[in-house]
Protein backbone atom coordinates (compact mmCIF):
# COMPACT_ATOMS: atom_id res chain seq x y z
CA MET A 1 0.00 0.00 0.00
CA GLU A 2 2.78 2.37 0.98
CA ASP A 3 4.56 1.67 -2.31
CA ASN A 4 1.43 2.55 -4.28
CA GLU A 5 1.05 5.84 -2.41
CA GLU A 6 4.70 6.76 -2.95
CA ARG A 7 4.51 5.90 -6.62
CA ARG A 8 3.65 9.14 -8.41
CA ASP A 9 1.68 9.26 -11.65
CA PRO A 10 3.94 10.85 -14.28
CA LEU A 11 0.97 12.86 -15.53
CA GLN A 12 0.85 14.73 -12.23
CA SER A 13 4.12 16.46 -13.08
CA LEU A 14 2.99 17.42 -16.59
CA PRO A 15 1.48 20.83 -15.65
CA GLU A 16 4.79 21.81 -14.06
CA LEU A 17 6.63 20.66 -17.15
CA VAL A 18 4.28 22.67 -19.35
CA GLU A 19 4.86 25.88 -17.39
CA GLU A 20 8.60 25.36 -17.30
CA SER A 21 8.60 24.62 -21.02
CA LYS A 22 6.63 27.75 -21.83
CA ARG A 23 9.18 29.86 -19.99
CA SER A 24 12.00 28.16 -21.90
CA TYR A 25 10.30 28.78 -25.23
CA THR A 26 9.70 32.45 -24.43
CA HIS A 27 13.34 32.85 -23.49
CA ILE A 28 14.60 31.12 -26.65
CA SER A 29 12.28 33.14 -28.90
CA SER A 30 13.46 36.40 -27.35
CA GLU A 31 17.10 35.38 -27.61
CA LEU A 32 16.67 34.40 -31.27
CA LYS A 33 15.28 37.85 -32.10
CA GLU A 34 18.12 39.56 -30.25
CA THR A 35 20.69 37.37 -32.00
CA ASP A 36 19.23 38.18 -35.43
CA VAL A 37 19.47 41.90 -34.69
CA LEU A 38 23.07 41.55 -33.49
CA ILE A 39 24.03 39.58 -36.61
CA GLN A 40 22.60 42.29 -38.86
CA GLN A 41 24.26 45.10 -36.92
CA THR A 42 27.65 43.40 -36.68
CA SER A 43 27.61 42.37 -40.35
CA GLY A 44 26.99 46.00 -41.27
CA GLU A 45 29.93 47.07 -39.11
CA VAL A 46 32.12 44.46 -40.80
CA GLN A 47 31.30 45.84 -44.26
CA LYS A 48 32.06 49.40 -43.22
CA LEU A 49 35.26 48.44 -41.41
CA ASP A 50 36.39 46.31 -44.34
CA GLN A 51 36.29 49.38 -46.56
CA ARG A 52 38.03 51.47 -43.91
CA THR A 53 40.77 48.85 -43.48
CA ALA A 54 41.44 48.84 -47.22
CA GLN A 55 41.78 52.64 -47.21
CA VAL A 56 44.17 52.56 -44.24
CA ALA A 57 46.25 49.84 -45.91
CA ASN A 58 46.54 51.89 -49.11
CA LYS A 59 47.66 54.92 -47.14
CA LEU A 60 50.25 52.86 -45.25
CA ARG A 61 51.68 51.44 -48.47
CA HIS A 62 52.03 54.96 -49.83
CA ILE A 63 53.82 56.10 -46.67
CA GLU A 64 56.19 53.12 -46.75
CA SER A 65 57.23 53.96 -50.29
CA ASN A 66 57.85 57.62 -49.35
CA LEU A 67 59.14 57.51 -45.78
CA SER A 68 61.30 60.60 -46.12
CA SER A 69 58.27 62.70 -47.08
CA TYR A 70 56.28 62.09 -43.90
CA PRO A 71 56.81 63.30 -40.32
CA ARG A 72 57.48 60.55 -37.81
CA GLU A 73 54.20 61.20 -36.01
CA ASP A 74 52.28 60.54 -39.22
CA ILE A 75 54.19 57.28 -39.74
CA LYS A 76 53.49 56.11 -36.19
CA GLU A 77 49.81 57.00 -36.50
CA ALA A 78 49.53 55.16 -39.82
CA TYR A 79 51.00 51.96 -38.39
CA ALA A 80 48.81 52.19 -35.30
CA ALA A 81 45.67 52.83 -37.36
CA SER A 82 46.42 49.91 -39.68
CA GLN A 83 46.98 47.51 -36.82
CA ALA A 84 43.92 48.65 -34.90
CA SER A 85 41.72 48.41 -37.98
CA GLN A 86 42.89 44.89 -38.85
CA LEU A 87 42.46 43.59 -35.33
CA ARG A 88 39.02 45.15 -35.01
CA LEU A 89 37.97 43.61 -38.34
CA LEU A 90 39.15 40.16 -37.28
CA MET A 91 37.31 40.38 -33.99
CA LEU A 92 34.08 41.55 -35.64
CA ARG A 93 34.19 38.73 -38.20
CA SER A 94 34.72 36.24 -35.42
CA GLN A 95 31.80 37.78 -33.53
CA VAL A 96 29.52 37.32 -36.55
CA GLU A 97 30.52 33.66 -36.80
CA GLN A 98 29.86 33.10 -33.10
CA LEU A 99 26.46 34.78 -33.37
CA GLN A 100 25.55 32.64 -36.38
CA ALA A 101 26.57 29.49 -34.50
CA LYS A 102 24.50 30.63 -31.53
CA LYS A 103 21.51 31.24 -33.81
CA GLU A 104 21.81 27.74 -35.28
CA SER A 105 21.93 26.26 -31.78
CA LEU A 106 18.84 28.21 -30.69
CA GLU A 107 16.96 27.21 -33.84
CA LEU A 108 17.85 23.58 -33.16
CA GLN A 109 16.48 23.84 -29.62
CA ALA A 110 13.29 25.41 -30.95
CA GLU A 111 12.91 22.60 -33.49
CA HIS A 112 13.29 20.00 -30.73
CA LEU A 113 10.62 21.78 -28.72
CA ARG A 114 8.21 21.76 -31.65
CA SER A 115 8.82 18.06 -32.26
CA PHE A 116 8.18 17.29 -28.61
CA LEU A 117 4.94 19.29 -28.69
CA GLU A 118 3.70 17.40 -31.74
CA ILE A 119 4.40 14.05 -30.07
CA VAL A 120 2.65 15.02 -26.85
CA ASP A 121 -0.38 16.35 -28.72
CA GLN A 122 -0.81 12.98 -30.43
CA ILE A 123 -1.12 11.12 -27.12
CA PRO A 124 -4.82 10.70 -26.20
CA GLY A 125 -5.78 12.70 -23.16
CA LEU A 126 -2.62 14.77 -23.10
CA GLY A 127 -3.38 17.36 -25.74
CA THR A 128 -4.93 19.81 -23.32
CA HIS A 129 -2.03 19.40 -20.93
CA ALA A 130 0.44 20.04 -23.72
CA GLU A 131 -1.16 23.22 -25.05
CA GLY A 132 1.55 25.81 -25.53
CA LEU A 133 4.26 23.31 -24.61
CA ALA A 134 7.68 24.47 -25.70
CA SER A 135 10.26 22.23 -24.08
CA PRO A 136 10.79 18.85 -22.44
CA ALA A 137 12.13 18.79 -18.91
CA ALA A 138 15.66 18.40 -20.21
CA THR A 139 15.54 21.90 -21.64
CA GLY A 140 14.50 23.48 -18.35
CA ASP A 141 16.44 25.28 -15.68
CA ASN A 142 18.95 22.46 -15.24
CA VAL A 143 20.06 22.62 -18.87
CA VAL A 144 20.15 26.42 -18.79
CA MET A 145 22.43 26.23 -15.76
CA ARG A 146 24.71 23.76 -17.53
CA ILE A 147 24.87 25.93 -20.63
CA ILE A 148 25.84 28.93 -18.50
CA GLU A 149 28.56 26.89 -16.80
CA ALA A 150 29.86 25.70 -20.16
CA GLN A 151 29.90 29.26 -21.52
CA GLU A 152 31.75 30.51 -18.45
CA GLY A 153 34.34 27.78 -18.82
CA GLU A 154 34.84 28.72 -22.45
CA ARG A 155 35.20 32.41 -21.55
CA GLN A 156 37.89 31.55 -19.01
CA ARG A 157 39.78 29.49 -21.56
CA LEU A 158 39.61 32.25 -24.16
CA ALA A 159 40.72 34.86 -21.63
CA ARG A 160 43.81 32.79 -20.85
CA GLN A 161 44.56 32.33 -24.55
CA MET A 162 44.13 36.04 -25.23
CA HIS A 163 46.42 36.97 -22.33
CA ASP A 164 49.18 34.57 -23.38
CA GLY A 165 48.91 35.28 -27.11
CA PRO A 166 47.68 38.48 -28.80
CA ALA A 167 47.67 40.58 -25.62
CA GLN A 168 51.33 39.83 -24.92
CA SER A 169 52.24 40.51 -28.54
CA LEU A 170 50.44 43.85 -28.46
CA THR A 171 52.40 44.82 -25.36
CA ASN A 172 55.61 44.06 -27.22
CA LEU A 173 54.40 46.18 -30.14
CA ILE A 174 53.94 49.17 -27.86
CA LEU A 175 57.51 48.81 -26.62
CA GLN A 176 58.74 48.46 -30.21
CA ALA A 177 56.88 51.64 -31.18
CA GLU A 178 58.66 53.51 -28.37
CA ILE A 179 61.99 52.33 -29.76
CA VAL A 180 61.01 53.57 -33.21
CA ASP A 181 60.02 56.92 -31.73
CA LYS A 182 63.43 57.38 -30.11
CA SER A 183 65.32 56.14 -33.16
CA PHE A 184 64.28 59.18 -35.21
CA ASP A 185 66.67 61.22 -33.08
CA LEU A 186 69.53 58.93 -34.14
CA GLY A 187 69.15 59.46 -37.87
CA ALA A 188 67.15 58.24 -40.86
CA ASP A 189 69.06 54.95 -41.28
CA GLN A 190 68.43 53.92 -37.69
CA ALA A 191 64.79 54.93 -38.00
CA ARG A 192 64.34 52.82 -41.14
CA SER A 193 65.92 49.83 -39.41
CA GLU A 194 63.63 50.14 -36.42
CA LEU A 195 60.61 50.62 -38.68
CA THR A 196 61.50 47.35 -40.39
CA ASN A 197 61.65 45.66 -36.99
CA LEU A 198 58.30 47.19 -36.09
CA LYS A 199 56.76 45.98 -39.34
CA ASN A 200 58.04 42.45 -38.65
CA ALA A 201 56.58 42.63 -35.15
CA VAL A 202 53.23 43.78 -36.56
CA ASN A 203 53.22 40.86 -39.01
CA ALA A 204 54.06 38.41 -36.22
CA THR A 205 51.25 39.82 -34.08
CA PHE A 206 48.88 39.58 -37.02
CA ARG A 207 49.77 35.90 -37.50
CA LYS A 208 49.25 35.20 -33.80
CA THR A 209 45.91 36.97 -33.92
CA MET A 210 44.90 34.94 -36.98
CA ASP A 211 45.85 31.75 -35.12
CA PHE A 212 43.76 32.91 -32.18
CA ILE A 213 40.80 33.67 -34.45
CA PHE A 214 41.13 30.26 -36.11
CA ASP A 215 41.11 28.57 -32.70
CA LEU A 216 38.14 30.70 -31.68
CA SER A 217 36.03 30.14 -34.79
CA PRO A 218 37.69 28.62 -37.88
CA MET A 219 36.05 30.06 -40.99
CA MET A 220 36.76 26.95 -43.06
CA LEU A 221 34.56 24.89 -40.71
CA ASP A 222 31.48 26.42 -42.34
CA ASP A 223 32.94 26.20 -45.84
CA LEU A 224 34.56 22.75 -45.89
CA GLY A 225 33.33 20.88 -42.83
CA ALA A 226 34.84 19.19 -39.79
CA ILE A 227 37.34 16.76 -41.36
CA PRO A 228 39.26 19.22 -43.61
CA THR A 229 39.27 21.74 -40.76
CA LEU A 230 40.63 19.14 -38.35
CA ARG A 231 43.40 18.23 -40.79
CA ARG A 232 44.42 21.87 -41.07
CA TYR A 233 44.22 22.34 -37.30
CA ILE A 234 46.26 19.21 -36.58
CA ASP A 235 48.97 20.30 -39.03
CA ASP A 236 49.24 23.67 -37.29
CA PHE A 237 49.01 22.04 -33.87
CA GLN A 238 51.91 19.68 -34.59
CA GLU A 239 54.10 22.57 -35.70
CA LYS A 240 53.17 24.63 -32.65
CA SER A 241 53.33 21.90 -30.00
CA GLY A 242 56.02 19.58 -31.31
CA LEU A 243 53.70 16.60 -30.76
CA SER A 244 53.13 13.89 -33.34
CA VAL A 245 49.41 13.64 -34.12
CA ALA A 246 47.81 11.10 -36.48
CA LEU A 247 44.25 11.45 -37.77
CA ASP A 248 42.41 8.33 -38.93
CA VAL A 249 38.95 8.63 -40.52
CA VAL A 250 36.79 5.55 -41.09
CA GLY A 251 33.79 5.79 -43.40
CA GLU A 252 32.80 8.23 -46.11
CA GLU A 253 33.73 11.81 -45.38
CA ARG A 254 30.57 13.89 -45.51
CA ARG A 255 29.09 17.11 -44.23
CA LEU A 256 27.22 16.88 -40.96
CA ALA A 257 24.81 19.22 -39.23
CA PRO A 258 26.67 22.45 -38.33
CA TYR A 259 26.23 21.97 -34.58
CA VAL A 260 27.63 18.41 -34.88
CA GLU A 261 30.67 19.60 -36.83
CA VAL A 262 31.33 22.39 -34.33
CA THR A 263 31.02 19.95 -31.42
CA ILE A 264 33.41 17.42 -32.99
CA PHE A 265 35.98 20.10 -33.73
CA ARG A 266 35.76 21.71 -30.28
CA LEU A 267 36.02 18.41 -28.43
CA ILE A 268 39.12 17.29 -30.32
CA GLN A 269 40.62 20.77 -30.05
CA GLU A 270 40.13 20.78 -26.27
CA LEU A 271 41.53 17.28 -25.84
CA LEU A 272 44.63 18.01 -27.94
CA HIS A 273 45.23 21.18 -25.95
CA ASN A 274 44.96 19.20 -22.71
CA VAL A 275 47.47 16.62 -23.96
CA TRP A 276 49.91 19.37 -24.92
CA GLN A 277 49.61 21.23 -21.64
CA HIS A 278 49.39 18.38 -19.14
CA ALA A 279 50.10 14.88 -20.49
CA HIS A 280 53.85 15.05 -21.31
CA ALA A 281 53.07 12.91 -24.37
CA SER A 282 54.99 12.46 -27.62
CA HIS A 283 52.23 11.00 -29.82
CA VAL A 284 48.45 11.35 -30.11
CA GLN A 285 46.11 9.19 -32.19
CA VAL A 286 42.82 10.81 -33.24
CA SER A 287 40.18 8.53 -34.80
CA LEU A 288 36.74 9.26 -36.23
CA ASP A 289 34.17 6.67 -37.29
CA LEU A 290 31.55 8.17 -39.62
CA GLN A 291 29.87 4.92 -40.66
CA GLY A 292 26.79 4.75 -38.44
CA SER A 293 24.08 6.97 -37.05
CA MET A 294 26.40 7.71 -34.12
CA ILE A 295 29.72 9.41 -34.83
CA GLY A 296 32.53 7.67 -32.94
CA ILE A 297 35.52 9.73 -31.79
CA SER A 298 38.61 8.67 -29.89
CA VAL A 299 41.71 10.58 -28.80
CA GLU A 300 44.53 8.48 -27.33
CA ASP A 301 47.92 9.69 -26.08
CA ASP A 302 51.05 8.03 -24.71
CA GLY A 303 51.46 10.54 -21.89
CA SER A 304 51.48 10.40 -18.12
CA GLY A 305 47.75 9.84 -17.58
CA PHE A 306 45.82 11.21 -14.60
CA ASP A 307 43.41 10.34 -11.81
CA LEU A 308 39.96 11.07 -13.27
CA ASP A 309 38.13 11.50 -9.95
CA GLU A 310 40.81 13.82 -8.62
CA ALA A 311 40.91 15.83 -11.85
CA THR A 312 37.12 16.24 -11.89
CA ALA A 313 37.01 17.33 -8.25
CA SER A 314 39.88 19.74 -8.82
CA ALA A 315 38.16 21.19 -11.91
CA LYS A 316 34.99 21.88 -9.92
CA GLU A 317 36.95 23.45 -7.08
CA ARG A 318 39.03 25.69 -9.35
CA LYS A 319 36.08 26.31 -11.72
CA THR A 320 38.13 25.15 -14.71
CA LEU A 321 35.40 23.16 -16.38
CA GLY A 322 37.15 21.40 -19.28
CA ILE A 323 36.18 17.79 -18.52
CA ILE A 324 32.80 18.78 -17.10
CA THR A 325 32.01 21.01 -20.08
CA MET A 326 32.78 18.21 -22.53
CA GLN A 327 30.50 15.82 -20.65
CA GLN A 328 27.66 18.33 -20.51
CA ARG A 329 28.02 19.33 -24.15
CA LEU A 330 27.74 15.71 -25.31
CA GLU A 331 24.91 14.82 -22.93
CA MET A 332 22.81 17.75 -24.17
CA LEU A 333 23.20 16.42 -27.73
CA GLY A 334 22.37 12.82 -26.81
CA GLY A 335 25.98 11.63 -26.81
CA LYS A 336 28.39 10.29 -24.23
CA ILE A 337 32.07 10.39 -23.27
CA ASP A 338 34.34 7.93 -21.48
CA PHE A 339 37.83 8.43 -20.03
CA ASP A 340 40.16 5.43 -19.78
CA THR A 341 43.21 6.65 -17.88
CA SER A 342 45.42 6.14 -14.87
CA LEU A 343 48.70 7.60 -13.70
CA GLY A 344 51.65 6.47 -15.79
CA ARG A 345 49.87 4.79 -18.71
CA GLY A 346 48.42 7.49 -20.93
CA THR A 347 44.82 8.39 -21.66
CA LYS A 348 42.17 7.28 -24.14
CA VAL A 349 39.01 9.33 -24.48
CA THR A 350 36.13 7.81 -26.46
CA MET A 351 33.01 9.72 -27.44
CA GLU A 352 29.79 9.21 -29.35
CA ILE A 353 27.52 11.87 -30.79
CA PRO A 354 24.39 11.49 -32.97
CA ALA A 355 25.16 12.29 -36.59
CA ALA A 356 21.93 14.30 -36.88
């Protein structure tokens, strides 16, 4: 008798689910509208800044071919304007790509909500309960919280990358510009030499910024798909890290849903970065199986391995959510992840994600 009283009819929780789902749908609809507006505004800024950058570049080329005709202040201002314009343009383009990816994700959530509503409405006796339904329980507050945590973890990672990469290079550029400023007092030859050094430093900073932008949102992912982008990324990663990385693809290479391609790329990118920073490995094997309805992914290294429980607890304590974020990202898409590791014997991470 007690068991029957404790056993709750699932239908009793449906009204709560309906209300929670309505709130989720309202939030997603509002966010979609805001994202559309931001995409339009930012795209307009990109077009204007693209024209401005071309004008600044033309002016700089003219100055470089006639250095003796321009005061040093004009030369400094031209270099600074060119650099600022290029960096701003790169950042805006990246912002547009991120907004478009966000829009696709929101549209996917909305589509799932509509599908769920249609299913519920077809169940006899539940149609009235499901009126206005926008989301299953999995898209409620718990998922929103997990998305926020994942976003915060990504922001922290990007902040560290920005500090160690482009930000440090920009600091060096400022110092180099000061040297150029002082060199004008030492004569034209010295000034030209320092200007050459400054130009080289600007080019190096530009390359680092491009690498950062590629890591942030690779443009070729939209154009060519996950596999070609991974090959390019792995080539660059090997050169940068000194690690040997092999990529093995089983099955016919094909385009997948954009959110699936982004997820595959980000997961492998994060795992390779972890191997480089923490595993003390010399070789990494990356494998993708595209044959079935579930995409299989594995990343295996010959490094030092780690204690999974300890690493997870430490990540929660320090709010560095790499492992946790990967788990949550896959779970929200109906996938799963498994870590096979222990101290001293390397790590193998296997993942599955629905192909559509």
